[in-house]
Amino acid sequence: MIVIDENGSLMTAMVRNNLVNKFNHLLKEENVYVLKNFKVVENSDAFKVIDSKLKIIFTPLTKVEKVDTHVPSIPMHGFHLACEKTFNDRLNDDNIF
C-alpha cells in the first residue's frame, strides 16, 4: 500500500502475509490513521511503485488507530509527476514503474 502524510510525502507500506488478517479489517482507503511501532527499512524492492528510499513494514506490535475527526491537512491524493526525460530514463529501469 502507499501511505501519505500531511506534507504530501508518499511512502510504501507493507504488511507481511502472516499479518494480513490482523490488519485487513483495520485499514480502509481514504481514512486517516496514527501508526505506531512499525519498522522503517530501506526500500530495495524491484519494481517500486513510487521512488522512495524507505518503506514501512508492519510488525506484530504495530498499532493502528483511526482518527475520527476531520484532518484537512492530510491530502486525499498524492502524485509524482515526471517530465518526458525522466519517463524515458525509466523505460529500461527495472527498479521503478
PDB file of N, CA and C in Angstrom:
ATOM      1  N   MET A   1       0.847  -1.173   0.000  1.00  0.00           N
ATOM      2  CA  MET A   1       0.000   0.000   0.000  1.00  0.00           C
ATOM      3  C   MET A   1       0.887   1.229   0.000  1.00  0.00           C
ATOM      4  N   ILE A   2       0.300   2.358  -0.340  1.00  0.00           N
ATOM      5  CA  ILE A   2       1.006   3.636  -0.319  1.00  0.00           C
ATOM      6  C   ILE A   2       0.334   4.498   0.749  1.00  0.00           C
ATOM      7  N   VAL A   3       1.152   5.094   1.614  1.00  0.00           N
ATOM      8  CA  VAL A   3       0.627   5.989   2.648  1.00  0.00           C
ATOM      9  C   VAL A   3       1.100   7.405   2.334  1.00  0.00           C
ATOM     10  N   ILE A   4       0.357   8.380   2.830  1.00  0.00           N
ATOM     11  CA  ILE A   4       0.669   9.785   2.578  1.00  0.00           C
ATOM     12  C   ILE A   4       0.571  10.547   3.901  1.00  0.00           C
ATOM     13  N   ASP A   5       1.464  11.520   4.090  1.00  0.00           N
ATOM     14  CA  ASP A   5       1.418  12.317   5.314  1.00  0.00           C
ATOM     15  C   ASP A   5       0.927  13.729   5.008  1.00  0.00           C
ATOM     16  N   GLU A   6       0.913  14.570   6.039  1.00  0.00           N
ATOM     17  CA  GLU A   6       0.378  15.925   5.882  1.00  0.00           C
ATOM     18  C   GLU A   6       1.188  16.790   4.938  1.00  0.00           C
ATOM     19  N   ASN A   7       2.429  16.390   4.620  1.00  0.00           N
ATOM     20  CA  ASN A   7       3.253  17.133   3.668  1.00  0.00           C
ATOM     21  C   ASN A   7       3.090  16.626   2.240  1.00  0.00           C
ATOM     22  N   GLY A   8       2.251  15.612   2.057  1.00  0.00           N
ATOM     23  CA  GLY A   8       2.066  15.026   0.737  1.00  0.00           C
ATOM     24  C   GLY A   8       3.155  14.030   0.379  1.00  0.00           C
ATOM     25  N   SER A   9       4.002  13.697   1.349  1.00  0.00           N
ATOM     26  CA  SER A   9       5.063  12.714   1.102  1.00  0.00           C
ATOM     27  C   SER A   9       4.463  11.317   1.033  1.00  0.00           C
ATOM     28  N   LEU A  10       4.881  10.567   0.039  1.00  0.00           N
ATOM     29  CA  LEU A  10       4.381   9.211  -0.169  1.00  0.00           C
ATOM     30  C   LEU A  10       5.424   8.193   0.264  1.00  0.00           C
ATOM     31  N   MET A  11       4.958   7.080   0.830  1.00  0.00           N
ATOM     32  CA  MET A  11       5.858   6.003   1.225  1.00  0.00           C
ATOM     33  C   MET A  11       5.125   4.677   1.064  1.00  0.00           C
ATOM     34  N   THR A  12       5.860   3.673   0.655  1.00  0.00           N
ATOM     35  CA  THR A  12       5.303   2.331   0.571  1.00  0.00           C
ATOM     36  C   THR A  12       5.172   1.767   1.980  1.00  0.00           C
ATOM     37  N   ALA A  13       4.080   1.078   2.230  1.00  0.00           N
ATOM     38  CA  ALA A  13       3.889   0.367   3.498  1.00  0.00           C
ATOM     39  C   ALA A  13       3.543  -1.076   3.157  1.00  0.00           C
ATOM     40  N   MET A  14       4.058  -1.994   3.950  1.00  0.00           N
ATOM     41  CA  MET A  14       3.892  -3.414   3.647  1.00  0.00           C
ATOM     42  C   MET A  14       3.431  -4.176   4.886  1.00  0.00           C
ATOM     43  N   VAL A  15       2.478  -5.065   4.678  1.00  0.00           N
ATOM     44  CA  VAL A  15       2.039  -5.995   5.711  1.00  0.00           C
ATOM     45  C   VAL A  15       2.381  -7.391   5.199  1.00  0.00           C
ATOM     46  N   ARG A  16       3.202  -8.104   5.957  1.00  0.00           N
ATOM     47  CA  ARG A  16       3.596  -9.454   5.537  1.00  0.00           C
ATOM     48  C   ARG A  16       2.386 -10.389   5.572  1.00  0.00           C
ATOM     49  N   ASN A  17       2.454 -11.445   4.753  1.00  0.00           N
ATOM     50  CA  ASN A  17       1.335 -12.385   4.608  1.00  0.00           C
ATOM     51  C   ASN A  17       0.802 -12.900   5.935  1.00  0.00           C
ATOM     52  N   ASN A  18       1.686 -13.209   6.865  1.00  0.00           N
ATOM     53  CA  ASN A  18       1.238 -13.785   8.131  1.00  0.00           C
ATOM     54  C   ASN A  18       0.521 -12.773   9.035  1.00  0.00           C
ATOM     55  N   LEU A  19       0.542 -11.482   8.670  1.00  0.00           N
ATOM     56  CA  LEU A  19      -0.126 -10.453   9.472  1.00  0.00           C
ATOM     57  C   LEU A  19      -1.319  -9.811   8.767  1.00  0.00           C
ATOM     58  N   VAL A  20      -1.594 -10.234   7.559  1.00  0.00           N
ATOM     59  CA  VAL A  20      -2.688  -9.617   6.788  1.00  0.00           C
ATOM     60  C   VAL A  20      -4.010  -9.700   7.545  1.00  0.00           C
ATOM     61  N   ASN A  21      -4.324 -10.848   8.111  1.00  0.00           N
ATOM     62  CA  ASN A  21      -5.601 -10.998   8.826  1.00  0.00           C
ATOM     63  C   ASN A  21      -5.698 -10.069  10.032  1.00  0.00           C
ATOM     64  N   LYS A  22      -4.581  -9.741  10.646  1.00  0.00           N
ATOM     65  CA  LYS A  22      -4.587  -8.851  11.800  1.00  0.00           C
ATOM     66  C   LYS A  22      -4.937  -7.417  11.410  1.00  0.00           C
ATOM     67  N   PHE A  23      -4.474  -6.972  10.234  1.00  0.00           N
ATOM     68  CA  PHE A  23      -4.639  -5.567   9.850  1.00  0.00           C
ATOM     69  C   PHE A  23      -5.686  -5.333   8.765  1.00  0.00           C
ATOM     70  N   ASN A  24      -6.110  -6.372   8.082  1.00  0.00           N
ATOM     71  CA  ASN A  24      -7.020  -6.232   6.945  1.00  0.00           C
ATOM     72  C   ASN A  24      -8.300  -5.471   7.309  1.00  0.00           C
ATOM     73  N   HIS A  25      -8.895  -5.771   8.427  1.00  0.00           N
ATOM     74  CA  HIS A  25     -10.153  -5.118   8.821  1.00  0.00           C
ATOM     75  C   HIS A  25      -9.928  -3.741   9.460  1.00  0.00           C
ATOM     76  N   LEU A  26      -8.679  -3.399   9.768  1.00  0.00           N
ATOM     77  CA  LEU A  26      -8.387  -2.122  10.427  1.00  0.00           C
ATOM     78  C   LEU A  26      -8.101  -0.987   9.453  1.00  0.00           C
ATOM     79  N   LEU A  27      -7.745  -1.315   8.221  1.00  0.00           N
ATOM     80  CA  LEU A  27      -7.312  -0.304   7.255  1.00  0.00           C
ATOM     81  C   LEU A  27      -8.316  -0.171   6.112  1.00  0.00           C
ATOM     82  N   LYS A  28      -8.761   1.045   5.883  1.00  0.00           N
ATOM     83  CA  LYS A  28      -9.665   1.316   4.767  1.00  0.00           C
ATOM     84  C   LYS A  28      -9.175   2.557   4.035  1.00  0.00           C
ATOM     85  N   GLU A  29      -9.251   2.491   2.720  1.00  0.00           N
ATOM     86  CA  GLU A  29      -8.823   3.609   1.884  1.00  0.00           C
ATOM     87  C   GLU A  29      -9.582   4.875   2.257  1.00  0.00           C
ATOM     88  N   GLU A  30      -8.902   5.999   2.174  1.00  0.00           N
ATOM     89  CA  GLU A  30      -9.423   7.349   2.426  1.00  0.00           C
ATOM     90  C   GLU A  30      -9.605   7.670   3.903  1.00  0.00           C
ATOM     91  N   ASN A  31      -9.207   6.789   4.796  1.00  0.00           N
ATOM     92  CA  ASN A  31      -9.253   7.100   6.220  1.00  0.00           C
ATOM     93  C   ASN A  31      -7.889   7.587   6.674  1.00  0.00           C
ATOM     94  N   VAL A  32      -7.865   8.248   7.832  1.00  0.00           N
ATOM     95  CA  VAL A  32      -6.626   8.747   8.415  1.00  0.00           C
ATOM     96  C   VAL A  32      -6.339   7.924   9.668  1.00  0.00           C
ATOM     97  N   TYR A  33      -5.067   7.499   9.791  1.00  0.00           N
ATOM     98  CA  TYR A  33      -4.666   6.656  10.911  1.00  0.00           C
ATOM     99  C   TYR A  33      -3.397   7.184  11.549  1.00  0.00           C
ATOM    100  N   VAL A  34      -3.236   6.879  12.821  1.00  0.00           N
ATOM    101  CA  VAL A  34      -1.970   7.044  13.511  1.00  0.00           C
ATOM    102  C   VAL A  34      -1.374   5.644  13.593  1.00  0.00           C
ATOM    103  N   LEU A  35      -0.145   5.491  13.092  1.00  0.00           N
ATOM    104  CA  LEU A  35       0.547   4.204  13.139  1.00  0.00           C
ATOM    105  C   LEU A  35       1.658   4.288  14.163  1.00  0.00           C
ATOM    106  N   LYS A  36       1.796   3.244  14.968  1.00  0.00           N
ATOM    107  CA  LYS A  36       2.848   3.183  15.981  1.00  0.00           C
ATOM    108  C   LYS A  36       3.504   1.807  15.926  1.00  0.00           C
ATOM    109  N   ASN A  37       4.762   1.764  16.320  1.00  0.00           N
ATOM    110  CA  ASN A  37       5.502   0.502  16.451  1.00  0.00           C
ATOM    111  C   ASN A  37       5.630  -0.249  15.126  1.00  0.00           C
ATOM    112  N   PHE A  38       6.152   0.400  14.131  1.00  0.00           N
ATOM    113  CA  PHE A  38       6.420  -0.236  12.842  1.00  0.00           C
ATOM    114  C   PHE A  38       7.903  -0.096  12.541  1.00  0.00           C
ATOM    115  N   LYS A  39       8.370  -0.851  11.570  1.00  0.00           N
ATOM    116  CA  LYS A  39       9.766  -0.751  11.151  1.00  0.00           C
ATOM    117  C   LYS A  39       9.864   0.151   9.935  1.00  0.00           C
ATOM    118  N   VAL A  40      10.962   0.873   9.830  1.00  0.00           N
ATOM    119  CA  VAL A  40      11.292   1.624   8.631  1.00  0.00           C
ATOM    120  C   VAL A  40      12.587   1.029   8.102  1.00  0.00           C
ATOM    121  N   VAL A  41      12.535   0.543   6.864  1.00  0.00           N
ATOM    122  CA  VAL A  41      13.686  -0.129   6.272  1.00  0.00           C
ATOM    123  C   VAL A  41      13.967   0.449   4.887  1.00  0.00           C
ATOM    124  N   GLU A  42      15.129   0.121   4.368  1.00  0.00           N
ATOM    125  CA  GLU A  42      15.474   0.537   3.014  1.00  0.00           C
ATOM    126  C   GLU A  42      14.534  -0.143   2.031  1.00  0.00           C
ATOM    127  N   ASN A  43      14.055   0.607   1.070  1.00  0.00           N
ATOM    128  CA  ASN A  43      13.160   0.062   0.056  1.00  0.00           C
ATOM    129  C   ASN A  43      13.999  -0.455  -1.110  1.00  0.00           C
ATOM    130  N   SER A  44      14.401  -1.710  -1.010  1.00  0.00           N
ATOM    131  CA  SER A  44      15.252  -2.305  -2.042  1.00  0.00           C
ATOM    132  C   SER A  44      14.458  -3.190  -2.980  1.00  0.00           C
ATOM    133  N   ASP A  45      13.135  -3.105  -2.933  1.00  0.00           N
ATOM    134  CA  ASP A  45      12.296  -3.924  -3.803  1.00  0.00           C
ATOM    135  C   ASP A  45      12.525  -3.585  -5.264  1.00  0.00           C
ATOM    136  N   ALA A  46      12.454  -4.601  -6.104  1.00  0.00           N
ATOM    137  CA  ALA A  46      12.442  -4.355  -7.544  1.00  0.00           C
ATOM    138  C   ALA A  46      11.040  -3.862  -7.907  1.00  0.00           C
ATOM    139  N   PHE A  47      10.929  -3.068  -8.923  1.00  0.00           N
ATOM    140  CA  PHE A  47       9.651  -2.551  -9.407  1.00  0.00           C
ATOM    141  C   PHE A  47       8.909  -1.762  -8.322  1.00  0.00           C
ATOM    142  N   LYS A  48       9.530  -0.716  -7.835  1.00  0.00           N
ATOM    143  CA  LYS A  48       8.883   0.156  -6.861  1.00  0.00           C
ATOM    144  C   LYS A  48       7.749   0.917  -7.527  1.00  0.00           C
ATOM    145  N   VAL A  49       6.670   1.072  -6.811  1.00  0.00           N
ATOM    146  CA  VAL A  49       5.531   1.837  -7.317  1.00  0.00           C
ATOM    147  C   VAL A  49       5.821   3.332  -7.226  1.00  0.00           C
ATOM    148  N   ILE A  50       6.524   3.739  -6.170  1.00  0.00           N
ATOM    149  CA  ILE A  50       6.960   5.124  -6.032  1.00  0.00           C
ATOM    150  C   ILE A  50       8.456   5.127  -5.775  1.00  0.00           C
ATOM    151  N   ASP A  51       9.083   6.230  -6.102  1.00  0.00           N
ATOM    152  CA  ASP A  51      10.526   6.346  -5.933  1.00  0.00           C
ATOM    153  C   ASP A  51      10.814   6.814  -4.508  1.00  0.00           C
ATOM    154  N   SER A  52      10.818   5.873  -3.585  1.00  0.00           N
ATOM    155  CA  SER A  52      11.067   6.166  -2.180  1.00  0.00           C
ATOM    156  C   SER A  52      12.191   5.267  -1.681  1.00  0.00           C
ATOM    157  N   LYS A  53      13.136   5.851  -0.968  1.00  0.00           N
ATOM    158  CA  LYS A  53      14.282   5.080  -0.473  1.00  0.00           C
ATOM    159  C   LYS A  53      13.932   4.241   0.742  1.00  0.00           C
ATOM    160  N   LEU A  54      12.835   4.564   1.408  1.00  0.00           N
ATOM    161  CA  LEU A  54      12.443   3.856   2.624  1.00  0.00           C
ATOM    162  C   LEU A  54      11.036   3.297   2.481  1.00  0.00           C
ATOM    163  N   LYS A  55      10.722   2.297   3.311  1.00  0.00           N
ATOM    164  CA  LYS A  55       9.354   1.781   3.362  1.00  0.00           C
ATOM    165  C   LYS A  55       9.028   1.397   4.794  1.00  0.00           C
ATOM    166  N   ILE A  56       7.750   1.365   5.080  1.00  0.00           N
ATOM    167  CA  ILE A  56       7.237   0.975   6.397  1.00  0.00           C
ATOM    168  C   ILE A  56       6.862  -0.493   6.332  1.00  0.00           C
ATOM    169  N   ILE A  57       7.230  -1.238   7.374  1.00  0.00           N
ATOM    170  CA  ILE A  57       6.806  -2.634   7.494  1.00  0.00           C
ATOM    171  C   ILE A  57       6.041  -2.778   8.803  1.00  0.00           C
ATOM    172  N   PHE A  58       4.812  -3.274   8.695  1.00  0.00           N
ATOM    173  CA  PHE A  58       4.012  -3.542   9.881  1.00  0.00           C
ATOM    174  C   PHE A  58       4.599  -4.759  10.595  1.00  0.00           C
ATOM    175  N   THR A  59       4.579  -4.724  11.926  1.00  0.00           N
ATOM    176  CA  THR A  59       5.069  -5.840  12.741  1.00  0.00           C
ATOM    177  C   THR A  59       3.905  -6.340  13.604  1.00  0.00           C
ATOM    178  N   PRO A  60       4.093  -7.438  14.316  1.00  0.00           N
ATOM    179  CA  PRO A  60       3.025  -7.891  15.224  1.00  0.00           C
ATOM    180  C   PRO A  60       2.694  -6.861  16.306  1.00  0.00           C
ATOM    181  N   LEU A  61       3.612  -5.938  16.589  1.00  0.00           N
ATOM    182  CA  LEU A  61       3.390  -4.925  17.617  1.00  0.00           C
ATOM    183  C   LEU A  61       2.847  -3.615  17.070  1.00  0.00           C
ATOM    184  N   THR A  62       2.672  -3.506  15.756  1.00  0.00           N
ATOM    185  CA  THR A  62       2.169  -2.270  15.152  1.00  0.00           C
ATOM    186  C   THR A  62       0.754  -1.983  15.631  1.00  0.00           C
ATOM    187  N   LYS A  63       0.539  -0.741  15.997  1.00  0.00           N
ATOM    188  CA  LYS A  63      -0.788  -0.279  16.431  1.00  0.00           C
ATOM    189  C   LYS A  63      -1.361   0.643  15.369  1.00  0.00           C
ATOM    190  N   VAL A  64      -2.630   0.446  15.044  1.00  0.00           N
ATOM    191  CA  VAL A  64      -3.347   1.262  14.060  1.00  0.00           C
ATOM    192  C   VAL A  64      -4.516   1.912  14.785  1.00  0.00           C
ATOM    193  N   GLU A  65      -4.509   3.246  14.814  1.00  0.00           N
ATOM    194  CA  GLU A  65      -5.589   3.986  15.476  1.00  0.00           C
ATOM    195  C   GLU A  65      -6.236   4.917  14.458  1.00  0.00           C
ATOM    196  N   LYS A  66      -7.504   4.715  14.204  1.00  0.00           N
ATOM    197  CA  LYS A  66      -8.223   5.567  13.256  1.00  0.00           C
ATOM    198  C   LYS A  66      -8.458   6.937  13.886  1.00  0.00           C
ATOM    199  N   VAL A  67      -8.238   7.973  13.088  1.00  0.00           N
ATOM    200  CA  VAL A  67      -8.525   9.347  13.505  1.00  0.00           C
ATOM    201  C   VAL A  67      -9.930   9.663  13.007  1.00  0.00           C
ATOM    202  N   ASP A  68     -10.847   9.885  13.937  1.00  0.00           N
ATOM    203  CA  ASP A  68     -12.251  10.090  13.566  1.00  0.00           C
ATOM    204  C   ASP A  68     -12.599  11.530  13.248  1.00  0.00           C
ATOM    205  N   THR A  69     -11.749  12.464  13.648  1.00  0.00           N
ATOM    206  CA  THR A  69     -12.033  13.866  13.347  1.00  0.00           C
ATOM    207  C   THR A  69     -11.494  14.203  11.957  1.00  0.00           C
ATOM    208  N   HIS A  70     -12.081  15.199  11.350  1.00  0.00           N
ATOM    209  CA  HIS A  70     -11.648  15.640  10.021  1.00  0.00           C
ATOM    210  C   HIS A  70     -10.238  16.224  10.108  1.00  0.00           C
ATOM    211  N   VAL A  71      -9.363  15.772   9.224  1.00  0.00           N
ATOM    212  CA  VAL A  71      -7.977  16.256   9.216  1.00  0.00           C
ATOM    213  C   VAL A  71      -7.708  16.896   7.848  1.00  0.00           C
ATOM    214  N   PRO A  72      -7.961  18.185   7.707  1.00  0.00           N
ATOM    215  CA  PRO A  72      -7.822  18.826   6.401  1.00  0.00           C
ATOM    216  C   PRO A  72      -6.385  18.885   5.895  1.00  0.00           C
ATOM    217  N   SER A  73      -5.407  18.717   6.791  1.00  0.00           N
ATOM    218  CA  SER A  73      -4.013  18.845   6.348  1.00  0.00           C
ATOM    219  C   SER A  73      -3.492  17.583   5.649  1.00  0.00           C
ATOM    220  N   ILE A  74      -4.232  16.476   5.700  1.00  0.00           N
ATOM    221  CA  ILE A  74      -3.811  15.257   5.007  1.00  0.00           C
ATOM    222  C   ILE A  74      -4.458  15.259   3.622  1.00  0.00           C
ATOM    223  N   PRO A  75      -3.640  15.324   2.550  1.00  0.00           N
ATOM    224  CA  PRO A  75      -4.220  15.316   1.205  1.00  0.00           C
ATOM    225  C   PRO A  75      -4.867  13.967   0.880  1.00  0.00           C
ATOM    226  N   MET A  76      -5.893  13.993   0.070  1.00  0.00           N
ATOM    227  CA  MET A  76      -6.574  12.758  -0.334  1.00  0.00           C
ATOM    228  C   MET A  76      -5.778  11.986  -1.381  1.00  0.00           C
ATOM    229  N   HIS A  77      -4.958  12.678  -2.158  1.00  0.00           N
ATOM    230  CA  HIS A  77      -4.217  12.033  -3.239  1.00  0.00           C
ATOM    231  C   HIS A  77      -2.794  12.568  -3.268  1.00  0.00           C
ATOM    232  N   GLY A  78      -1.893  11.759  -3.761  1.00  0.00           N
ATOM    233  CA  GLY A  78      -0.511  12.185  -3.932  1.00  0.00           C
ATOM    234  C   GLY A  78      -0.041  11.828  -5.321  1.00  0.00           C
ATOM    235  N   PHE A  79       0.692  12.709  -5.918  1.00  0.00           N
ATOM    236  CA  PHE A  79       1.175  12.488  -7.273  1.00  0.00           C
ATOM    237  C   PHE A  79       2.655  12.808  -7.359  1.00  0.00           C
ATOM    238  N   HIS A  80       3.352  12.049  -8.141  1.00  0.00           N
ATOM    239  CA  HIS A  80       4.730  12.355  -8.506  1.00  0.00           C
ATOM    240  C   HIS A  80       4.744  12.438 -10.027  1.00  0.00           C
ATOM    241  N   LEU A  81       4.612  13.630 -10.540  1.00  0.00           N
ATOM    242  CA  LEU A  81       4.592  13.812 -11.979  1.00  0.00           C
ATOM    243  C   LEU A  81       6.026  13.834 -12.502  1.00  0.00           C
ATOM    244  N   ALA A  82       6.214  13.228 -13.651  1.00  0.00           N
ATOM    245  CA  ALA A  82       7.553  13.133 -14.223  1.00  0.00           C
ATOM    246  C   ALA A  82       7.570  13.791 -15.597  1.00  0.00           C
ATOM    247  N   CYS A  83       8.684  14.434 -15.901  1.00  0.00           N
ATOM    248  CA  CYS A  83       8.842  15.036 -17.222  1.00  0.00           C
ATOM    249  C   CYS A  83       9.172  13.920 -18.223  1.00  0.00           C
ATOM    250  N   GLU A  84       9.144  14.252 -19.491  1.00  0.00           N
ATOM    251  CA  GLU A  84       9.384  13.263 -20.537  1.00  0.00           C
ATOM    252  C   GLU A  84      10.770  12.621 -20.403  1.00  0.00           C
ATOM    253  N   LYS A  85      11.780  13.391 -20.038  1.00  0.00           N
ATOM    254  CA  LYS A  85      13.125  12.839 -19.885  1.00  0.00           C
ATOM    255  C   LYS A  85      13.161  11.786 -18.773  1.00  0.00           C
ATOM    256  N   THR A  86      12.543  12.091 -17.644  1.00  0.00           N
ATOM    257  CA  THR A  86      12.502  11.130 -16.534  1.00  0.00           C
ATOM    258  C   THR A  86      11.771   9.865 -16.964  1.00  0.00           C
ATOM    259  N   PHE A  87      10.667  10.031 -17.650  1.00  0.00           N
ATOM    260  CA  PHE A  87       9.906   8.888 -18.148  1.00  0.00           C
ATOM    261  C   PHE A  87      10.768   8.033 -19.075  1.00  0.00           C
ATOM    262  N   ASN A  88      11.444   8.669 -20.017  1.00  0.00           N
ATOM    263  CA  ASN A  88      12.302   7.931 -20.952  1.00  0.00           C
ATOM    264  C   ASN A  88      13.471   7.256 -20.234  1.00  0.00           C
ATOM    265  N   ASP A  89      14.038   7.916 -19.225  1.00  0.00           N
ATOM    266  CA  ASP A  89      15.139   7.328 -18.465  1.00  0.00           C
ATOM    267  C   ASP A  89      14.699   6.076 -17.705  1.00  0.00           C
ATOM    268  N   ARG A  90      13.436   6.011 -17.349  1.00  0.00           N
ATOM    269  CA  ARG A  90      12.919   4.865 -16.577  1.00  0.00           C
ATOM    270  C   ARG A  90      12.447   3.706 -17.446  1.00  0.00           C
ATOM    271  N   LEU A  91      12.413   3.884 -18.754  1.00  0.00           N
ATOM    272  CA  LEU A  91      11.910   2.826 -19.631  1.00  0.00           C
ATOM    273  C   LEU A  91      12.650   1.510 -19.448  1.00  0.00           C
ATOM    274  N   ASN A  92      13.920   1.553 -19.260  1.00  0.00           N
ATOM    275  CA  ASN A  92      14.713   0.333 -19.100  1.00  0.00           C
ATOM    276  C   ASN A  92      15.206   0.137 -17.678  1.00  0.00           C
ATOM    277  N   ASP A  93      14.575   0.809 -16.733  1.00  0.00           N
ATOM    278  CA  ASP A  93      14.938   0.707 -15.333  1.00  0.00           C
ATOM    279  C   ASP A  93      13.968  -0.237 -14.635  1.00  0.00           C
ATOM    280  N   ASP A  94      14.459  -1.391 -14.202  1.00  0.00           N
ATOM    281  CA  ASP A  94      13.603  -2.361 -13.547  1.00  0.00           C
ATOM    282  C   ASP A  94      13.344  -2.021 -12.087  1.00  0.00           C
ATOM    283  N   ASN A  95      13.844  -0.890 -11.630  1.00  0.00           N
ATOM    284  CA  ASN A  95      13.728  -0.537 -10.230  1.00  0.00           C
ATOM    285  C   ASN A  95      12.427   0.196  -9.898  1.00  0.00           C
ATOM    286  N   ILE A  96      11.848   0.893 -10.855  1.00  0.00           N
ATOM    287  CA  ILE A  96      10.634   1.665 -10.598  1.00  0.00           C
ATOM    288  C   ILE A  96       9.719   1.600 -11.811  1.00  0.00           C
ATOM    289  N   PHE A  97       8.409   1.524 -11.529  1.00  0.00           N
ATOM    290  CA  PHE A  97       7.431   1.501 -12.627  1.00  0.00           C
ATOM    291  C   PHE A  97       7.438   2.819 -13.353  1.00  0.00           C
TER     292      PHE A  97
END
